[in-house]
Amino acid sequence: MKSMACKHETVPFRGTKEQEAALMAVINEYKDTPGALMPIMQKAQDIYGYLPIEVQTMISDETGIPMEKIYGVATFYAQFSLEPKGKYRISVCLGTACYVKGAQEIYDKLKELLGVGDGGCTPDGKFSLDACRCIGACGLAPVMMINDDVYGRLTPDMLPDILAKY
């Protein structure tokens, strides 16, 4: 596999004209509404899947809201992501029950197999990897989710077969 990639070596921005048109429609709908930054950013993330600098710049240019305010909101609220997410979003629970049962080993093995760092996305956009605090399936620890699929009682040697399904 690829060498370990730094989280900040991101996938190049691949926004389409259709996405840009959708974003402009959202901005035009909300831009004269007080307090509209959050809804604009939420809809922008729905359109693009994340909020790269290019999208933040479009929002700033069209609304007149300073970039530092947009970036501040994007980094303050956990709902926003500055990194692209893969078609298959992998979340490994590192909550107490999972951690005690070896979740860190699972997370480290996934980073190795995918060649990504914390919060990273594979260059082909297929997988992204994040840690989370609790999935709510402590009895199945250690646990991970791939989109809405839950995998429990994991061992590192199970991971290649699970990833192969996707």
C-alpha atoms as a PDB file:
ATOM      1  CA  MET A   1       0.000   0.000   0.000  1.00  0.00           C
ATOM      2  CA  LYS A   2       0.967   3.671  -0.053  1.00  0.00           C
ATOM      3  CA  SER A   3       3.122   5.230   2.599  1.00  0.00           C
ATOM      4  CA  MET A   4       1.414   6.956   5.495  1.00  0.00           C
ATOM      5  CA  ALA A   5      -0.145  10.165   4.193  1.00  0.00           C
ATOM      6  CA  CYS A   6      -0.414  13.262   6.320  1.00  0.00           C
ATOM      7  CA  LYS A   7      -3.953  14.400   7.040  1.00  0.00           C
ATOM      8  CA  HIS A   8      -3.247  17.699   5.323  1.00  0.00           C
ATOM      9  CA  GLU A   9      -2.170  16.122   2.012  1.00  0.00           C
ATOM     10  CA  THR A  10      -5.700  16.389   0.754  1.00  0.00           C
ATOM     11  CA  VAL A  11      -7.403  15.109  -2.310  1.00  0.00           C
ATOM     12  CA  PRO A  12      -7.411  17.889  -4.945  1.00  0.00           C
ATOM     13  CA  PHE A  13     -10.617  19.944  -5.030  1.00  0.00           C
ATOM     14  CA  ARG A  14     -12.902  18.548  -7.729  1.00  0.00           C
ATOM     15  CA  GLY A  15     -15.939  20.777  -7.571  1.00  0.00           C
ATOM     16  CA  THR A  16     -18.234  20.728 -10.584  1.00  0.00           C
ATOM     17  CA  LYS A  17     -20.092  23.571 -12.293  1.00  0.00           C
ATOM     18  CA  GLU A  18     -23.340  21.935 -11.119  1.00  0.00           C
ATOM     19  CA  GLN A  19     -22.163  22.035  -7.499  1.00  0.00           C
ATOM     20  CA  GLU A  20     -21.084  25.646  -7.852  1.00  0.00           C
ATOM     21  CA  ALA A  21     -24.483  26.561  -9.349  1.00  0.00           C
ATOM     22  CA  ALA A  22     -26.247  24.796  -6.465  1.00  0.00           C
ATOM     23  CA  LEU A  23     -24.098  26.679  -3.943  1.00  0.00           C
ATOM     24  CA  MET A  24     -24.785  30.022  -5.644  1.00  0.00           C
ATOM     25  CA  ALA A  25     -28.523  29.297  -5.520  1.00  0.00           C
ATOM     26  CA  VAL A  26     -28.280  28.607  -1.769  1.00  0.00           C
ATOM     27  CA  ILE A  27     -26.242  31.758  -1.157  1.00  0.00           C
ATOM     28  CA  ASN A  28     -28.695  33.879  -3.178  1.00  0.00           C
ATOM     29  CA  GLU A  29     -31.592  32.401  -1.197  1.00  0.00           C
ATOM     30  CA  TYR A  30     -30.021  33.158   2.211  1.00  0.00           C
ATOM     31  CA  LYS A  31     -27.532  35.983   1.802  1.00  0.00           C
ATOM     32  CA  ASP A  32     -29.861  38.794   2.916  1.00  0.00           C
ATOM     33  CA  THR A  33     -31.103  36.810   5.926  1.00  0.00           C
ATOM     34  CA  PRO A  34     -29.496  37.679   9.270  1.00  0.00           C
ATOM     35  CA  GLY A  35     -27.663  34.695  10.799  1.00  0.00           C
ATOM     36  CA  ALA A  36     -27.595  32.821   7.497  1.00  0.00           C
ATOM     37  CA  LEU A  37     -23.964  31.692   7.646  1.00  0.00           C
ATOM     38  CA  MET A  38     -24.696  28.382   9.404  1.00  0.00           C
ATOM     39  CA  PRO A  39     -27.464  27.294   7.000  1.00  0.00           C
ATOM     40  CA  ILE A  40     -25.327  28.316   4.009  1.00  0.00           C
ATOM     41  CA  MET A  41     -22.381  26.315   5.326  1.00  0.00           C
ATOM     42  CA  GLN A  42     -24.569  23.308   6.138  1.00  0.00           C
ATOM     43  CA  LYS A  43     -26.036  23.292   2.639  1.00  0.00           C
ATOM     44  CA  ALA A  44     -22.581  23.840   1.110  1.00  0.00           C
ATOM     45  CA  GLN A  45     -21.308  20.781   2.956  1.00  0.00           C
ATOM     46  CA  ASP A  46     -24.344  18.817   1.747  1.00  0.00           C
ATOM     47  CA  ILE A  47     -23.452  19.827  -1.827  1.00  0.00           C
ATOM     48  CA  TYR A  48     -19.699  19.175  -1.674  1.00  0.00           C
ATOM     49  CA  GLY A  49     -19.437  16.674   1.190  1.00  0.00           C
ATOM     50  CA  TYR A  50     -16.975  18.940   3.019  1.00  0.00           C
ATOM     51  CA  LEU A  51     -15.893  22.604   3.191  1.00  0.00           C
ATOM     52  CA  PRO A  52     -12.568  23.047   1.399  1.00  0.00           C
ATOM     53  CA  ILE A  53     -10.934  26.471   1.181  1.00  0.00           C
ATOM     54  CA  GLU A  54     -12.333  26.893  -2.341  1.00  0.00           C
ATOM     55  CA  VAL A  55     -15.921  26.577  -1.059  1.00  0.00           C
ATOM     56  CA  GLN A  56     -15.252  28.838   1.927  1.00  0.00           C
ATOM     57  CA  THR A  57     -13.833  31.427  -0.481  1.00  0.00           C
ATOM     58  CA  MET A  58     -16.957  31.274  -2.683  1.00  0.00           C
ATOM     59  CA  ILE A  59     -19.144  31.798   0.395  1.00  0.00           C
ATOM     60  CA  SER A  60     -16.998  34.730   1.531  1.00  0.00           C
ATOM     61  CA  ASP A  61     -16.880  36.349  -1.919  1.00  0.00           C
ATOM     62  CA  GLU A  62     -20.642  36.074  -2.443  1.00  0.00           C
ATOM     63  CA  THR A  63     -21.792  37.052   1.065  1.00  0.00           C
ATOM     64  CA  GLY A  64     -19.098  39.522   2.078  1.00  0.00           C
ATOM     65  CA  ILE A  65     -18.532  37.552   5.290  1.00  0.00           C
ATOM     66  CA  PRO A  66     -14.799  37.553   6.114  1.00  0.00           C
ATOM     67  CA  MET A  67     -12.897  34.303   5.510  1.00  0.00           C
ATOM     68  CA  GLU A  68     -11.659  34.196   9.090  1.00  0.00           C
ATOM     69  CA  LYS A  69     -15.246  34.113  10.382  1.00  0.00           C
ATOM     70  CA  ILE A  70     -16.214  31.318   7.966  1.00  0.00           C
ATOM     71  CA  TYR A  71     -13.086  29.337   8.857  1.00  0.00           C
ATOM     72  CA  GLY A  72     -13.738  29.927  12.565  1.00  0.00           C
ATOM     73  CA  VAL A  73     -17.253  28.511  12.278  1.00  0.00           C
ATOM     74  CA  ALA A  74     -16.029  25.581  10.150  1.00  0.00           C
ATOM     75  CA  THR A  75     -13.376  24.622  12.699  1.00  0.00           C
ATOM     76  CA  PHE A  76     -15.482  25.260  15.815  1.00  0.00           C
ATOM     77  CA  TYR A  77     -18.471  23.043  14.979  1.00  0.00           C
ATOM     78  CA  ALA A  78     -17.878  19.281  14.752  1.00  0.00           C
ATOM     79  CA  GLN A  79     -20.559  18.939  12.056  1.00  0.00           C
ATOM     80  CA  PHE A  80     -18.250  20.616   9.533  1.00  0.00           C
ATOM     81  CA  SER A  81     -15.299  18.935   7.861  1.00  0.00           C
ATOM     82  CA  LEU A  82     -12.428  20.650   6.062  1.00  0.00           C
ATOM     83  CA  GLU A  83     -11.262  17.302   4.692  1.00  0.00           C
ATOM     84  CA  PRO A  84     -13.057  15.276   2.044  1.00  0.00           C
ATOM     85  CA  LYS A  85     -14.904  12.192   3.161  1.00  0.00           C
ATOM     86  CA  GLY A  86     -14.729   8.978   1.207  1.00  0.00           C
ATOM     87  CA  LYS A  87     -17.579   7.179  -0.465  1.00  0.00           C
ATOM     88  CA  TYR A  88     -17.175   4.745   2.431  1.00  0.00           C
ATOM     89  CA  ARG A  89     -16.742   6.576   5.746  1.00  0.00           C
ATOM     90  CA  ILE A  90     -15.016   4.404   8.329  1.00  0.00           C
ATOM     91  CA  SER A  91     -15.449   5.365  11.986  1.00  0.00           C
ATOM     92  CA  VAL A  92     -13.561   3.423  14.631  1.00  0.00           C
ATOM     93  CA  CYS A  93     -14.857   3.744  18.168  1.00  0.00           C
ATOM     94  CA  LEU A  94     -12.102   4.725  20.597  1.00  0.00           C
ATOM     95  CA  GLY A  95     -14.457   5.029  23.566  1.00  0.00           C
ATOM     96  CA  THR A  96     -13.471   3.322  26.812  1.00  0.00           C
ATOM     97  CA  ALA A  97     -14.987  -0.137  26.221  1.00  0.00           C
ATOM     98  CA  CYS A  98     -13.631  -0.354  22.676  1.00  0.00           C
ATOM     99  CA  TYR A  99     -10.252   1.096  23.592  1.00  0.00           C
ATOM    100  CA  VAL A 100      -9.752  -1.433  26.398  1.00  0.00           C
ATOM    101  CA  LYS A 101     -10.571  -4.245  23.970  1.00  0.00           C
ATOM    102  CA  GLY A 102      -8.030  -3.162  21.340  1.00  0.00           C
ATOM    103  CA  ALA A 103      -9.669  -0.459  19.232  1.00  0.00           C
ATOM    104  CA  GLN A 104      -6.399   1.476  18.892  1.00  0.00           C
ATOM    105  CA  GLU A 105      -4.853  -1.582  17.170  1.00  0.00           C
ATOM    106  CA  ILE A 106      -7.827  -1.657  14.783  1.00  0.00           C
ATOM    107  CA  TYR A 107      -7.464   2.051  14.043  1.00  0.00           C
ATOM    108  CA  ASP A 108      -3.703   1.792  13.504  1.00  0.00           C
ATOM    109  CA  LYS A 109      -4.110  -1.217  11.183  1.00  0.00           C
ATOM    110  CA  LEU A 110      -6.720   0.639   9.120  1.00  0.00           C
ATOM    111  CA  LYS A 111      -4.369   3.624   8.783  1.00  0.00           C
ATOM    112  CA  GLU A 112      -1.708   1.228   7.531  1.00  0.00           C
ATOM    113  CA  LEU A 113      -4.019  -0.651   5.134  1.00  0.00           C
ATOM    114  CA  LEU A 114      -5.545   2.530   3.687  1.00  0.00           C
ATOM    115  CA  GLY A 115      -2.356   4.591   3.720  1.00  0.00           C
ATOM    116  CA  VAL A 116      -4.066   7.539   5.402  1.00  0.00           C
ATOM    117  CA  GLY A 117      -3.597   9.501   8.604  1.00  0.00           C
ATOM    118  CA  ASP A 118      -6.153  10.542  11.200  1.00  0.00           C
ATOM    119  CA  GLY A 119      -9.192  11.985   9.438  1.00  0.00           C
ATOM    120  CA  GLY A 120      -7.677  11.197   6.035  1.00  0.00           C
ATOM    121  CA  CYS A 121      -9.205  10.158   2.760  1.00  0.00           C
ATOM    122  CA  THR A 122      -7.677   7.772   0.239  1.00  0.00           C
ATOM    123  CA  PRO A 123      -6.523   9.543  -2.959  1.00  0.00           C
ATOM    124  CA  ASP A 124      -9.206   7.733  -4.994  1.00  0.00           C
ATOM    125  CA  GLY A 125     -11.915   9.120  -2.662  1.00  0.00           C
ATOM    126  CA  LYS A 126     -13.118   5.622  -1.787  1.00  0.00           C
ATOM    127  CA  PHE A 127     -12.417   5.487   1.972  1.00  0.00           C
ATOM    128  CA  SER A 128     -12.060   8.032   4.749  1.00  0.00           C
ATOM    129  CA  LEU A 129     -11.027   7.170   8.289  1.00  0.00           C
ATOM    130  CA  ASP A 130     -12.000   8.847  11.538  1.00  0.00           C
ATOM    131  CA  ALA A 131     -12.053   7.972  15.210  1.00  0.00           C
ATOM    132  CA  CYS A 132     -15.192   8.538  17.234  1.00  0.00           C
ATOM    133  CA  ARG A 133     -16.019   8.342  20.925  1.00  0.00           C
ATOM    134  CA  CYS A 134     -18.957   5.936  21.062  1.00  0.00           C
ATOM    135  CA  ILE A 135     -21.060   4.084  18.527  1.00  0.00           C
ATOM    136  CA  GLY A 136     -23.390   2.700  21.211  1.00  0.00           C
ATOM    137  CA  ALA A 137     -22.473  -0.939  20.686  1.00  0.00           C
ATOM    138  CA  CYS A 138     -20.151  -1.396  23.668  1.00  0.00           C
ATOM    139  CA  GLY A 139     -21.082  -5.075  24.024  1.00  0.00           C
ATOM    140  CA  LEU A 140     -19.522  -5.704  20.597  1.00  0.00           C
ATOM    141  CA  ALA A 141     -16.240  -3.914  21.394  1.00  0.00           C
ATOM    142  CA  PRO A 142     -14.076  -3.134  19.548  1.00  0.00           C
ATOM    143  CA  VAL A 143     -16.442  -1.678  16.973  1.00  0.00           C
ATOM    144  CA  MET A 144     -16.230   0.242  13.704  1.00  0.00           C
ATOM    145  CA  MET A 145     -18.783   1.495  11.233  1.00  0.00           C
ATOM    146  CA  ILE A 146     -18.477   1.764   7.475  1.00  0.00           C
ATOM    147  CA  ASN A 147     -21.252   4.175   6.535  1.00  0.00           C
ATOM    148  CA  ASP A 148     -24.238   2.531   8.300  1.00  0.00           C
ATOM    149  CA  ASP A 149     -22.756  -0.986   8.606  1.00  0.00           C
ATOM    150  CA  VAL A 150     -21.547  -1.943  12.100  1.00  0.00           C
ATOM    151  CA  TYR A 151     -18.692  -4.413  12.604  1.00  0.00           C
ATOM    152  CA  GLY A 152     -17.959  -5.694  16.095  1.00  0.00           C
ATOM    153  CA  ARG A 153     -15.620  -7.962  18.026  1.00  0.00           C
ATOM    154  CA  LEU A 154     -12.923  -6.938  15.573  1.00  0.00           C
ATOM    155  CA  THR A 155      -9.361  -8.166  15.312  1.00  0.00           C
ATOM    156  CA  PRO A 156      -6.757  -6.604  13.000  1.00  0.00           C
ATOM    157  CA  ASP A 157      -6.637  -9.718  10.788  1.00  0.00           C
ATOM    158  CA  MET A 158     -10.374  -9.328   9.966  1.00  0.00           C
ATOM    159  CA  LEU A 159      -9.908  -5.895   8.380  1.00  0.00           C
ATOM    160  CA  PRO A 160      -8.643  -6.808   4.865  1.00  0.00           C
ATOM    161  CA  ASP A 161     -11.683  -9.052   4.256  1.00  0.00           C
ATOM    162  CA  ILE A 162     -14.078  -6.387   5.550  1.00  0.00           C
ATOM    163  CA  LEU A 163     -12.523  -3.682   3.331  1.00  0.00           C
ATOM    164  CA  ALA A 164     -12.656  -6.047   0.326  1.00  0.00           C
ATOM    165  CA  LYS A 165     -16.485  -5.986   0.543  1.00  0.00           C
ATOM    166  CA  TYR A 166     -16.362  -2.306  -0.443  1.00  0.00           C
END
